[in-house]
Structure formats: structure tokens, C-alpha cells
C-alpha atoms as a PDB file:
ATOM      1  CA  UNK A   1       0.120   8.736 -45.690  1.00  0.00           C
ATOM      2  CA  UNK A   2      -4.032   7.346 -44.855  1.00  0.00           C
ATOM      3  CA  UNK A   3      -4.741   9.877 -48.361  1.00  0.00           C
ATOM      4  CA  UNK A   4      -2.507   7.455 -50.511  1.00  0.00           C
ATOM      5  CA  UNK A   5      -4.896   4.937 -49.293  1.00  0.00           C
ATOM      6  CA  UNK A   6      -6.841   3.147 -51.478  1.00  0.00           C
ATOM      7  CA  UNK A   7      -9.874   1.204 -52.105  1.00  0.00           C
ATOM      8  CA  UNK A   8     -12.076  -1.417 -53.723  1.00  0.00           C
ATOM      9  CA  UNK A   9     -13.696   0.713 -55.764  1.00  0.00           C
ATOM     10  CA  UNK A  10     -10.207   2.890 -56.767  1.00  0.00           C
ATOM     11  CA  UNK A  11      -8.823  -0.406 -57.793  1.00  0.00           C
ATOM     12  CA  UNK A  12     -11.229  -1.529 -59.822  1.00  0.00           C
ATOM     13  CA  UNK A  13     -11.573   2.001 -61.459  1.00  0.00           C
ATOM     14  CA  UNK A  14      -7.492   2.043 -62.147  1.00  0.00           C
ATOM     15  CA  UNK A  15      -6.272  -1.168 -62.306  1.00  0.00           C
ATOM     16  CA  UNK A  16      -8.774  -3.334 -64.510  1.00  0.00           C
ATOM     17  CA  UNK A  17     -10.141  -3.065 -67.775  1.00  0.00           C
ATOM     18  CA  UNK A  18     -12.965  -4.423 -70.487  1.00  0.00           C
ATOM     19  CA  UNK A  19     -16.427  -5.045 -69.150  1.00  0.00           C
ATOM     20  CA  UNK A  20     -17.305  -4.927 -66.151  1.00  0.00           C
ATOM     21  CA  UNK A  21     -20.551  -5.634 -65.255  1.00  0.00           C
ATOM     22  CA  UNK A  22     -20.450  -8.277 -62.967  1.00  0.00           C
ATOM     23  CA  UNK A  23     -18.410  -7.554 -60.352  1.00  0.00           C
ATOM     24  CA  UNK A  24     -20.891  -6.345 -57.872  1.00  0.00           C
ATOM     25  CA  UNK A  25     -20.534  -3.404 -55.380  1.00  0.00           C
ATOM     26  CA  UNK A  26     -20.592  -5.199 -51.915  1.00  0.00           C
ATOM     27  CA  UNK A  27     -21.471  -2.746 -48.554  1.00  0.00           C
ATOM     28  CA  UNK A  28     -19.855  -5.143 -45.665  1.00  0.00           C
ATOM     29  CA  UNK A  29     -16.724  -4.985 -44.422  1.00  0.00           C
ATOM     30  CA  UNK A  30     -15.876  -8.401 -46.088  1.00  0.00           C
ATOM     31  CA  UNK A  31     -15.148  -8.616 -49.201  1.00  0.00           C
ATOM     32  CA  UNK A  32     -14.734 -11.721 -51.099  1.00  0.00           C
ATOM     33  CA  UNK A  33     -14.473 -11.927 -55.040  1.00  0.00           C
ATOM     34  CA  UNK A  34     -13.932 -15.065 -57.710  1.00  0.00           C
ATOM     35  CA  UNK A  35     -10.714 -14.751 -59.367  1.00  0.00           C
ATOM     36  CA  UNK A  36     -12.002 -15.749 -61.818  1.00  0.00           C
ATOM     37  CA  UNK A  37     -14.266 -12.548 -62.295  1.00  0.00           C
ATOM     38  CA  UNK A  38     -10.877 -10.301 -61.981  1.00  0.00           C
ATOM     39  CA  UNK A  39      -7.662 -11.698 -62.991  1.00  0.00           C
ATOM     40  CA  UNK A  40      -8.815 -12.047 -66.624  1.00  0.00           C
ATOM     41  CA  UNK A  41      -9.147  -7.839 -66.269  1.00  0.00           C
ATOM     42  CA  UNK A  42      -6.101  -6.909 -64.462  1.00  0.00           C
ATOM     43  CA  UNK A  43      -4.038  -4.008 -66.432  1.00  0.00           C
ATOM     44  CA  UNK A  44      -0.437  -5.442 -65.010  1.00  0.00           C
ATOM     45  CA  UNK A  45       1.657  -4.556 -63.454  1.00  0.00           C
ATOM     46  CA  UNK A  46       0.121  -2.579 -61.097  1.00  0.00           C
ATOM     47  CA  UNK A  47       2.642  -0.327 -59.263  1.00  0.00           C
ATOM     48  CA  UNK A  48       3.257  -0.310 -55.597  1.00  0.00           C
ATOM     49  CA  UNK A  49       0.481   0.199 -53.656  1.00  0.00           C
ATOM     50  CA  UNK A  50      -1.511   0.823 -50.365  1.00  0.00           C
ATOM     51  CA  UNK A  51      -4.306  -0.816 -49.859  1.00  0.00           C
ATOM     52  CA  UNK A  52      -6.517   0.025 -47.381  1.00  0.00           C
ATOM     53  CA  UNK A  53      -7.529  -3.304 -46.483  1.00  0.00           C
ATOM     54  CA  UNK A  54      -6.437  -6.691 -45.145  1.00  0.00           C
ATOM     55  CA  UNK A  55      -5.683  -9.346 -48.688  1.00  0.00           C
ATOM     56  CA  UNK A  56      -6.207 -12.719 -48.388  1.00  0.00           C
ATOM     57  CA  UNK A  57      -6.407 -15.026 -51.472  1.00  0.00           C
ATOM     58  CA  UNK A  58      -6.621 -18.037 -51.513  1.00  0.00           C
ATOM     59  CA  UNK A  59      -4.935 -19.091 -55.355  1.00  0.00           C
ATOM     60  CA  UNK A  60      -7.075 -22.544 -56.476  1.00  0.00           C
ATOM     61  CA  UNK A  61      -5.328 -23.202 -60.154  1.00  0.00           C
ATOM     62  CA  UNK A  62      -3.134 -20.833 -61.754  1.00  0.00           C
ATOM     63  CA  UNK A  63       0.110 -18.404 -60.690  1.00  0.00           C
ATOM     64  CA  UNK A  64       0.530 -14.854 -60.105  1.00  0.00           C
ATOM     65  CA  UNK A  65       3.846 -12.342 -59.001  1.00  0.00           C
ATOM     66  CA  UNK A  66       3.026  -9.770 -55.929  1.00  0.00           C
ATOM     67  CA  UNK A  67       5.049  -7.868 -54.192  1.00  0.00           C
ATOM     68  CA  UNK A  68       4.954  -7.112 -50.452  1.00  0.00           C
ATOM     69  CA  UNK A  69       7.005  -4.316 -49.561  1.00  0.00           C
ATOM     70  CA  UNK A  70      10.194  -5.332 -51.407  1.00  0.00           C
ATOM     71  CA  UNK A  71       9.378  -9.271 -51.344  1.00  0.00           C
ATOM     72  CA  UNK A  72       8.444 -10.275 -54.630  1.00  0.00           C
ATOM     73  CA  UNK A  73       6.398 -13.465 -54.254  1.00  0.00           C
ATOM     74  CA  UNK A  74       5.552 -16.276 -56.488  1.00  0.00           C
ATOM     75  CA  UNK A  75       2.350 -17.785 -56.301  1.00  0.00           C
ATOM     76  CA  UNK A  76       1.497 -20.548 -57.752  1.00  0.00           C
ATOM     77  CA  UNK A  77      -1.837 -23.052 -56.723  1.00  0.00           C
ATOM     78  CA  UNK A  78      -2.448 -24.267 -54.445  1.00  0.00           C
ATOM     79  CA  UNK A  79      -1.570 -21.734 -51.593  1.00  0.00           C
ATOM     80  CA  UNK A  80      -2.498 -18.339 -49.982  1.00  0.00           C
ATOM     81  CA  UNK A  81      -1.333 -15.455 -49.474  1.00  0.00           C
ATOM     82  CA  UNK A  82      -2.044 -12.703 -47.107  1.00  0.00           C
ATOM     83  CA  UNK A  83      -0.894  -9.118 -47.195  1.00  0.00           C
ATOM     84  CA  UNK A  84      -1.608  -7.003 -44.062  1.00  0.00           C
ATOM     85  CA  UNK A  85      -2.914  -3.530 -43.963  1.00  0.00           C
ATOM     86  CA  UNK A  86      -0.549  -1.240 -44.044  1.00  0.00           C
ATOM     87  CA  UNK A  87       1.810  -2.430 -46.051  1.00  0.00           C
ATOM     88  CA  UNK A  88       2.897  -2.142 -49.343  1.00  0.00           C
ATOM     89  CA  UNK A  89       2.080  -4.001 -52.464  1.00  0.00           C
ATOM     90  CA  UNK A  90       2.833  -4.405 -56.139  1.00  0.00           C
ATOM     91  CA  UNK A  91       1.289  -6.595 -58.544  1.00  0.00           C
ATOM     92  CA  UNK A  92       3.444  -7.858 -61.194  1.00  0.00           C
ATOM     93  CA  UNK A  93       2.164 -10.685 -63.231  1.00  0.00           C
ATOM     94  CA  UNK A  94      -0.985 -12.950 -63.377  1.00  0.00           C
ATOM     95  CA  UNK A  95      -2.261 -15.476 -64.487  1.00  0.00           C
ATOM     96  CA  UNK A  96      -5.976 -14.392 -66.778  1.00  0.00           C
ATOM     97  CA  UNK A  97      -7.248 -18.063 -66.328  1.00  0.00           C
ATOM     98  CA  UNK A  98      -6.537 -17.964 -62.217  1.00  0.00           C
ATOM     99  CA  UNK A  99      -8.886 -19.605 -60.246  1.00  0.00           C
ATOM    100  CA  UNK A 100      -9.279 -19.010 -55.968  1.00  0.00           C
ATOM    101  CA  UNK A 101     -11.073 -16.725 -54.327  1.00  0.00           C
ATOM    102  CA  UNK A 102      -9.769 -12.759 -52.727  1.00  0.00           C
ATOM    103  CA  UNK A 103     -11.149 -11.795 -49.746  1.00  0.00           C
ATOM    104  CA  UNK A 104     -10.679  -7.817 -48.516  1.00  0.00           C
ATOM    105  CA  UNK A 105     -11.176  -7.211 -45.225  1.00  0.00           C
ATOM    106  CA  UNK A 106     -11.122  -3.962 -43.487  1.00  0.00           C
ATOM    107  CA  UNK A 107      -9.110  -3.460 -40.463  1.00  0.00           C
ATOM    108  CA  UNK A 108     -11.789  -2.550 -38.632  1.00  0.00           C
ATOM    109  CA  UNK A 109     -14.091  -5.475 -38.928  1.00  0.00           C
ATOM    110  CA  UNK A 110     -10.233  -8.141 -37.884  1.00  0.00           C
ATOM    111  CA  UNK A 111      -9.891  -6.689 -34.462  1.00  0.00           C
ATOM    112  CA  UNK A 112     -13.819  -6.753 -33.258  1.00  0.00           C
ATOM    113  CA  UNK A 113     -14.036 -10.361 -35.266  1.00  0.00           C
ATOM    114  CA  UNK A 114     -10.852 -11.375 -33.354  1.00  0.00           C
ATOM    115  CA  UNK A 115      -9.146 -11.475 -30.110  1.00  0.00           C
ATOM    116  CA  UNK A 116      -6.351 -10.132 -29.561  1.00  0.00           C
ATOM    117  CA  UNK A 117      -4.244 -13.425 -29.642  1.00  0.00           C
ATOM    118  CA  UNK A 118      -5.645 -14.454 -32.114  1.00  0.00           C
ATOM    119  CA  UNK A 119      -5.127 -10.975 -33.956  1.00  0.00           C
ATOM    120  CA  UNK A 120      -0.656 -11.328 -32.798  1.00  0.00           C
ATOM    121  CA  UNK A 121      -1.229 -14.732 -34.589  1.00  0.00           C
ATOM    122  CA  UNK A 122      -2.235 -13.437 -38.102  1.00  0.00           C
ATOM    123  CA  UNK A 123       0.494 -10.709 -38.456  1.00  0.00           C
ATOM    124  CA  UNK A 124       2.813 -13.206 -37.855  1.00  0.00           C
ATOM    125  CA  UNK A 125       1.742 -15.377 -39.943  1.00  0.00           C
ATOM    126  CA  UNK A 126       4.190 -16.567 -43.097  1.00  0.00           C
ATOM    127  CA  UNK A 127       2.591 -13.696 -45.966  1.00  0.00           C
ATOM    128  CA  UNK A 128       2.777 -17.104 -48.588  1.00  0.00           C
ATOM    129  CA  UNK A 129       1.274 -20.584 -47.626  1.00  0.00           C
ATOM    130  CA  UNK A 130       2.328 -23.487 -50.119  1.00  0.00           C
ATOM    131  CA  UNK A 131      -1.290 -25.685 -49.343  1.00  0.00           C
ATOM    132  CA  UNK A 132      -1.729 -29.755 -49.979  1.00  0.00           C
ATOM    133  CA  UNK A 133      -4.345 -30.246 -52.232  1.00  0.00           C
ATOM    134  CA  UNK A 134      -6.617 -32.225 -49.601  1.00  0.00           C
ATOM    135  CA  UNK A 135      -6.217 -28.950 -47.248  1.00  0.00           C
ATOM    136  CA  UNK A 136      -6.805 -26.351 -50.156  1.00  0.00           C
ATOM    137  CA  UNK A 137     -10.209 -28.236 -51.082  1.00  0.00           C
ATOM    138  CA  UNK A 138     -11.257 -27.712 -47.394  1.00  0.00           C
ATOM    139  CA  UNK A 139     -10.001 -24.291 -47.005  1.00  0.00           C
ATOM    140  CA  UNK A 140     -11.931 -23.601 -50.353  1.00  0.00           C
ATOM    141  CA  UNK A 141     -15.135 -24.907 -49.557  1.00  0.00           C
ATOM    142  CA  UNK A 142     -15.150 -22.520 -46.537  1.00  0.00           C
ATOM    143  CA  UNK A 143     -14.805 -19.928 -49.206  1.00  0.00           C
ATOM    144  CA  UNK A 144     -17.591 -20.347 -50.616  1.00  0.00           C
ATOM    145  CA  UNK A 145     -19.724 -20.196 -47.601  1.00  0.00           C
ATOM    146  CA  UNK A 146     -18.315 -17.333 -47.213  1.00  0.00           C
ATOM    147  CA  UNK A 147     -19.423 -16.155 -51.295  1.00  0.00           C
ATOM    148  CA  UNK A 148     -22.149 -17.346 -51.101  1.00  0.00           C
ATOM    149  CA  UNK A 149     -23.298 -15.425 -47.749  1.00  0.00           C
ATOM    150  CA  UNK A 150     -21.871 -12.492 -48.422  1.00  0.00           C
ATOM    151  CA  UNK A 151     -23.423 -12.216 -51.709  1.00  0.00           C
ATOM    152  CA  UNK A 152     -26.874 -13.436 -50.349  1.00  0.00           C
ATOM    153  CA  UNK A 153     -29.825 -10.805 -50.481  1.00  0.00           C
ATOM    154  CA  UNK A 154     -29.757 -10.366 -46.930  1.00  0.00           C
ATOM    155  CA  UNK A 155     -26.285 -11.428 -45.311  1.00  0.00           C
ATOM    156  CA  UNK A 156     -26.610 -12.376 -41.976  1.00  0.00           C
ATOM    157  CA  UNK A 157     -23.340 -10.325 -39.853  1.00  0.00           C
ATOM    158  CA  UNK A 158     -22.870 -12.890 -37.653  1.00  0.00           C
ATOM    159  CA  UNK A 159     -22.870 -16.128 -39.727  1.00  0.00           C
ATOM    160  CA  UNK A 160     -20.471 -14.471 -42.129  1.00  0.00           C
ATOM    161  CA  UNK A 161     -18.293 -13.294 -39.401  1.00  0.00           C
ATOM    162  CA  UNK A 162     -18.322 -16.295 -37.930  1.00  0.00           C
ATOM    163  CA  UNK A 163     -17.667 -18.329 -41.541  1.00  0.00           C
ATOM    164  CA  UNK A 164     -14.428 -16.482 -41.558  1.00  0.00           C
ATOM    165  CA  UNK A 165     -12.936 -16.471 -38.527  1.00  0.00           C
ATOM    166  CA  UNK A 166     -12.567 -20.902 -39.077  1.00  0.00           C
ATOM    167  CA  UNK A 167     -11.001 -19.640 -42.085  1.00  0.00           C
ATOM    168  CA  UNK A 168      -8.512 -17.176 -40.769  1.00  0.00           C
ATOM    169  CA  UNK A 169      -8.203 -19.868 -36.866  1.00  0.00           C
ATOM    170  CA  UNK A 170      -7.886 -22.859 -40.608  1.00  0.00           C
ATOM    171  CA  UNK A 171      -4.843 -20.801 -41.702  1.00  0.00           C
ATOM    172  CA  UNK A 172      -3.455 -20.852 -38.448  1.00  0.00           C
ATOM    173  CA  UNK A 173      -3.404 -23.779 -38.267  1.00  0.00           C
ATOM    174  CA  UNK A 174      -1.745 -24.795 -41.786  1.00  0.00           C
ATOM    175  CA  UNK A 175       0.786 -21.962 -41.265  1.00  0.00           C
ATOM    176  CA  UNK A 176       1.720 -23.009 -37.730  1.00  0.00           C
ATOM    177  CA  UNK A 177       1.071 -19.569 -36.128  1.00  0.00           C
ATOM    178  CA  UNK A 178      -1.142 -21.319 -33.451  1.00  0.00           C
ATOM    179  CA  UNK A 179       2.314 -21.791 -31.691  1.00  0.00           C
ATOM    180  CA  UNK A 180       4.392 -20.384 -29.385  1.00  0.00           C
ATOM    181  CA  UNK A 181       6.806 -17.692 -30.606  1.00  0.00           C
ATOM    182  CA  UNK A 182      10.324 -17.476 -29.675  1.00  0.00           C
ATOM    183  CA  UNK A 183      11.927 -14.655 -27.843  1.00  0.00           C
ATOM    184  CA  UNK A 184      13.948 -13.298 -31.162  1.00  0.00           C
ATOM    185  CA  UNK A 185      10.661 -14.043 -33.792  1.00  0.00           C
ATOM    186  CA  UNK A 186       8.756 -11.569 -30.921  1.00  0.00           C
ATOM    187  CA  UNK A 187      11.221  -8.966 -30.945  1.00  0.00           C
ATOM    188  CA  UNK A 188      11.678  -9.631 -35.081  1.00  0.00           C
ATOM    189  CA  UNK A 189       7.856  -9.071 -35.941  1.00  0.00           C
ATOM    190  CA  UNK A 190       7.142  -6.117 -33.284  1.00  0.00           C
ATOM    191  CA  UNK A 191      10.183  -4.594 -34.451  1.00  0.00           C
ATOM    192  CA  UNK A 192       8.975  -4.601 -38.042  1.00  0.00           C
ATOM    193  CA  UNK A 193       5.542  -3.327 -37.305  1.00  0.00           C
ATOM    194  CA  UNK A 194       7.191  -0.380 -35.415  1.00  0.00           C
ATOM    195  CA  UNK A 195       9.051   0.006 -38.502  1.00  0.00           C
ATOM    196  CA  UNK A 196       5.417   0.770 -40.592  1.00  0.00           C
ATOM    197  CA  UNK A 197       4.364   3.488 -38.474  1.00  0.00           C
ATOM    198  CA  UNK A 198       7.710   4.944 -37.835  1.00  0.00           C
ATOM    199  CA  UNK A 199       9.815   4.426 -40.994  1.00  0.00           C
ATOM    200  CA  UNK A 200       8.903   8.597 -42.152  1.00  0.00           C
ATOM    201  CA  UNK A 201      10.869  10.443 -38.835  1.00  0.00           C
ATOM    202  CA  UNK A 202      12.790   7.751 -37.262  1.00  0.00           C
ATOM    203  CA  UNK A 203      15.360   5.644 -39.909  1.00  0.00           C
ATOM    204  CA  UNK A 204      17.841   4.936 -36.007  1.00  0.00           C
ATOM    205  CA  UNK A 205      18.095   1.021 -35.172  1.00  0.00           C
ATOM    206  CA  UNK A 206      19.075   2.872 -31.818  1.00  0.00           C
ATOM    207  CA  UNK A 207      15.585   3.382 -31.596  1.00  0.00           C
ATOM    208  CA  UNK A 208      14.334   1.463 -32.128  1.00  0.00           C
ATOM    209  CA  UNK A 209      16.165  -1.069 -29.668  1.00  0.00           C
ATOM    210  CA  UNK A 210      15.234   1.533 -27.364  1.00  0.00           C
ATOM    211  CA  UNK A 211      11.441   1.236 -27.963  1.00  0.00           C
ATOM    212  CA  UNK A 212      11.775  -2.184 -27.383  1.00  0.00           C
ATOM    213  CA  UNK A 213      14.073  -2.633 -24.453  1.00  0.00           C
ATOM    214  CA  UNK A 214      16.562  -4.237 -25.976  1.00  0.00           C
ATOM    215  CA  UNK A 215      20.327  -3.875 -27.007  1.00  0.00           C
ATOM    216  CA  UNK A 216      20.595  -2.524 -30.620  1.00  0.00           C
ATOM    217  CA  UNK A 217      23.053  -5.685 -31.399  1.00  0.00           C
ATOM    218  CA  UNK A 218      20.523  -8.375 -29.916  1.00  0.00           C
ATOM    219  CA  UNK A 219      18.113  -6.256 -32.359  1.00  0.00           C
ATOM    220  CA  UNK A 220      19.849  -7.033 -35.420  1.00  0.00           C
ATOM    221  CA  UNK A 221      20.494 -10.034 -34.054  1.00  0.00           C
ATOM    222  CA  UNK A 222      16.763 -10.602 -33.721  1.00  0.00           C
ATOM    223  CA  UNK A 223      15.730  -8.877 -37.019  1.00  0.00           C
ATOM    224  CA  UNK A 224      18.998 -11.394 -39.197  1.00  0.00           C
ATOM    225  CA  UNK A 225      17.399 -14.582 -37.770  1.00  0.00           C
ATOM    226  CA  UNK A 226      13.911 -13.940 -39.265  1.00  0.00           C
ATOM    227  CA  UNK A 227      13.945 -11.784 -42.113  1.00  0.00           C
ATOM    228  CA  UNK A 228      17.402 -12.367 -43.243  1.00  0.00           C
ATOM    229  CA  UNK A 229      18.130  -8.722 -43.507  1.00  0.00           C
ATOM    230  CA  UNK A 230      19.530  -6.246 -41.171  1.00  0.00           C
ATOM    231  CA  UNK A 231      17.390  -4.163 -39.184  1.00  0.00           C
ATOM    232  CA  UNK A 232      19.039  -0.973 -41.261  1.00  0.00           C
ATOM    233  CA  UNK A 233      18.220  -2.398 -44.605  1.00  0.00           C
ATOM    234  CA  UNK A 234      13.897  -3.315 -43.317  1.00  0.00           C
ATOM    235  CA  UNK A 235      14.074   0.475 -42.396  1.00  0.00           C
ATOM    236  CA  UNK A 236      15.757   1.908 -45.833  1.00  0.00           C
ATOM    237  CA  UNK A 237      13.523  -0.882 -47.762  1.00  0.00           C
ATOM    238  CA  UNK A 238       9.956   0.258 -46.197  1.00  0.00           C
ATOM    239  CA  UNK A 239      10.963   3.425 -47.477  1.00  0.00           C
ATOM    240  CA  UNK A 240      12.151   3.412 -50.065  1.00  0.00           C
ATOM    241  CA  UNK A 241       8.322   1.626 -51.097  1.00  0.00           C
ATOM    242  CA  UNK A 242       7.092   4.123 -50.052  1.00  0.00           C
ATOM    243  CA  UNK A 243       8.648   6.652 -51.705  1.00  0.00           C
ATOM    244  CA  UNK A 244       7.657   3.949 -55.462  1.00  0.00           C
ATOM    245  CA  UNK A 245       3.939   4.481 -54.448  1.00  0.00           C
ATOM    246  CA  UNK A 246       4.505   8.310 -53.863  1.00  0.00           C
ATOM    247  CA  UNK A 247       6.632   8.364 -57.264  1.00  0.00           C
ATOM    248  CA  UNK A 248       3.991   7.168 -59.391  1.00  0.00           C
ATOM    249  CA  UNK A 249       0.123   8.440 -57.831  1.00  0.00           C
ATOM    250  CA  UNK A 250       2.075  11.775 -57.016  1.00  0.00           C
ATOM    251  CA  UNK A 251       3.102  15.130 -59.211  1.00  0.00           C
ATOM    252  CA  UNK A 252       5.906  15.902 -56.214  1.00  0.00           C
ATOM    253  CA  UNK A 253       9.712  16.206 -56.938  1.00  0.00           C
ATOM    254  CA  UNK A 254      12.182  13.598 -56.060  1.00  0.00           C
ATOM    255  CA  UNK A 255      13.682  16.174 -53.526  1.00  0.00           C
ATOM    256  CA  UNK A 256      10.707  16.867 -52.477  1.00  0.00           C
ATOM    257  CA  UNK A 257       9.304  12.929 -51.720  1.00  0.00           C
ATOM    258  CA  UNK A 258      12.972  12.293 -50.146  1.00  0.00           C
ATOM    259  CA  UNK A 259      13.157  15.370 -47.748  1.00  0.00           C
ATOM    260  CA  UNK A 260       9.263  14.141 -46.660  1.00  0.00           C
ATOM    261  CA  UNK A 261      10.445  10.966 -46.117  1.00  0.00           C
ATOM    262  CA  UNK A 262      13.189  12.923 -43.336  1.00  0.00           C
ATOM    263  CA  UNK A 263      16.055  11.891 -45.917  1.00  0.00           C
ATOM    264  CA  UNK A 264      19.043  15.039 -45.582  1.00  0.00           C
ATOM    265  CA  UNK A 265      20.305  14.547 -49.266  1.00  0.00           C
ATOM    266  CA  UNK A 266      17.881  13.318 -51.854  1.00  0.00           C
ATOM    267  CA  UNK A 267      21.721  12.392 -54.037  1.00  0.00           C
ATOM    268  CA  UNK A 268      21.918   9.750 -51.475  1.00  0.00           C
ATOM    269  CA  UNK A 269      17.805   9.077 -51.314  1.00  0.00           C
ATOM    270  CA  UNK A 270      18.622   8.654 -55.573  1.00  0.00           C
ATOM    271  CA  UNK A 271      21.563   6.500 -54.966  1.00  0.00           C
ATOM    272  CA  UNK A 272      19.623   4.277 -52.619  1.00  0.00           C
ATOM    273  CA  UNK A 273      16.830   3.957 -54.182  1.00  0.00           C
ATOM    274  CA  UNK A 274      18.183   2.404 -57.362  1.00  0.00           C
ATOM    275  CA  UNK A 275      20.228   0.136 -55.023  1.00  0.00           C
ATOM    276  CA  UNK A 276      17.077  -1.420 -53.567  1.00  0.00           C
ATOM    277  CA  UNK A 277      14.446  -0.965 -56.900  1.00  0.00           C
ATOM    278  CA  UNK A 278      17.327  -1.485 -59.861  1.00  0.00           C
ATOM    279  CA  UNK A 279      15.866   1.951 -61.469  1.00  0.00           C
ATOM    280  CA  UNK A 280      16.462   6.111 -61.000  1.00  0.00           C
ATOM    281  CA  UNK A 281      13.799   7.589 -59.553  1.00  0.00           C
ATOM    282  CA  UNK A 282      12.736   9.105 -62.598  1.00  0.00           C
ATOM    283  CA  UNK A 283      13.786   6.008 -64.458  1.00  0.00           C
ATOM    284  CA  UNK A 284      10.686   4.337 -61.886  1.00  0.00           C
ATOM    285  CA  UNK A 285       8.303   7.399 -62.494  1.00  0.00           C
ATOM    286  CA  UNK A 286       8.722   6.711 -65.918  1.00  0.00           C
ATOM    287  CA  UNK A 287       7.672   3.120 -66.147  1.00  0.00           C
ATOM    288  CA  UNK A 288       4.839   3.808 -64.501  1.00  0.00           C
ATOM    289  CA  UNK A 289       3.513   5.900 -66.395  1.00  0.00           C
ATOM    290  CA  UNK A 290       3.967   3.468 -69.640  1.00  0.00           C
ATOM    291  CA  UNK A 291       1.844   1.068 -67.583  1.00  0.00           C
ATOM    292  CA  UNK A 292      -0.710   3.442 -66.857  1.00  0.00           C
END
């Protein structure tokens, strides 16, 4: 799937329009943009894409609708949205007057800046955190510091990494992600991370239960209590979201995509796709072409 990753420059060229000279190319592994420089130029809806970064958006004004895998979030200011690397995202709607900051972080930068336990906590944060105005103002002040240093003629790596780490720790505090996870939450989160790695070839719940050394019944109870969906539904949702990416980004036939994702029967894949997405694979492909 790595060949389908979208980097920052590709995102600008494919999904933004108008005069974009104000958007500066940044070489640092942590990139930050003011939303007022992005929101008015987006061509929405943006179809599912495999974005090659961890994404953090702090919204101080306006709204946007963001889809991560199969879940849609209506984000209204003040709020923080986090999409971890490895997930597929779509942007359905954006307020052109939106303000705040968008931060892109390469995966290797995340792992080098944070200690193991802190990295785990970041992955356990709920994608959407609604903020109080006071907390939003504190977070915005930190992001302004990060923005100023990243765009300095000679950005000081240790300094901007320290600011970024402080931002993440602030978000973890606001999200309660610093609290110790319960056993069933750990199992559910570990399951979902495994699904992102193995969904294309492994769709049986028993495979993941074996990996986690638990029974399938216990795994289902853990997953259902955290995500309100069965383990099987999570696996299929992730597979269908990736098929949306392949339908919009490649010319592969529907049958080829079905087989590539290890569905034995393309007709079953098509029925499942319509149940999850609301359109047939062909209708979905046509709709993404219309929006390009």
C-alpha cells in the first residue's frame, strides 16, 4: 500500500486550487500550516487517501467534516482532530473561513521524539477532542511558537521538537490519554493496530485472537465495548476503506481490487461495499471522477 501514499506536495497539487504561492515548502520532518492558508483553496470532497503523515489539526474557528476509515466526524471549533499514520482519511466538507493550525508529522519523527509509552498513549487518543476556550487558547499559543520556529530561516531542531512534544503532552492531558488503559481497552486498541497491518490477507477474527493470546469471544467483547462494533465489522470496514482508495486512485478492475484484498468472491465484495459505503464500487468510482 505504500506506493499509494500521498505526500504534502502531492496533496497540494491534487486537492487544492487557485494561487498557492503563499504555501511555503518546508523541509523539516514536522510541517505546520495555518488553516486560513489552506481552507479557502481545498477542492472538496476529497476522496479517501492514504496520507503519508500523522495529522494533527487544531481548529479555533469554523468547522470541517473528516472521515477516518469508516467513521465520520463533524469537527467544530474549538477542537483537536488527530489521524494517525496508517489510517485512510477523507475530507467531506470544509468551512472556507476555518482558522487554526494543521501539523503533519513523519512517522519516524514521532518515534524518535517520543518515548515508547508516550507513543502508545498518542495512538490511544480519541480522534476528536472538543476543547474549552481556555484550553484551546493555551494550545494555540504553543502552536504559534511551533509555527514561528519551523518558518525561521534556521529552525533549531531540538527546540521545535521540544515544543511539539509539549503540544502532544498537552493534548494527552486534555484527552485523559495519560490515564492507564484498562485491560479490555488495551486489547481493543492492539487489535485495531494489528488489523491495519494484516487486513488484506487476514480477515478471520480467530487470527487476531491468536496473535493477542485471547479467545475470540473475549476479543469480540473487548472490541464491541470500545468501538461499538464487532471485531469482524472492524476488519471489513478497514478493507472497504482501502478499496475506496484503490477505486479512486487506480484503474484496476473491481474484480482485481477484490482479489487484491483477498476477497474470494467479487460479487460478495461488491455487496459488502454497497452496504458500508451506500454506493456500488462502480458508482463510487464514477463519483470520485466527477469530483476531480
